[in-house]
């Protein structure tokens, strides 16, 4: 694995820990695709730093569990404006 990929994976992990952002929000901040963010935190990060990867996984699991609530809220606001 190249050094810049390692650095990016660690930077993404610390960003997610500080902000609790979703994969989509993190991808937008870093200007990369959601697939790259997901691959960095799920495949590459455990090889670099297992403890950090587990902390990030907890946040991403929480975000995944709450996504149906965020989607419903977005729909409610959309129709409230009409």
Foldseek 3Di string as FASTA:
>chain_A
DDPVLLVVLVVLLVVCLVPLDELCVSCVVVVHDSVSNCCSLPPVVCVVPVVSSVSSVVSNVVCVVCVVVVVVVVVVVVVVVD
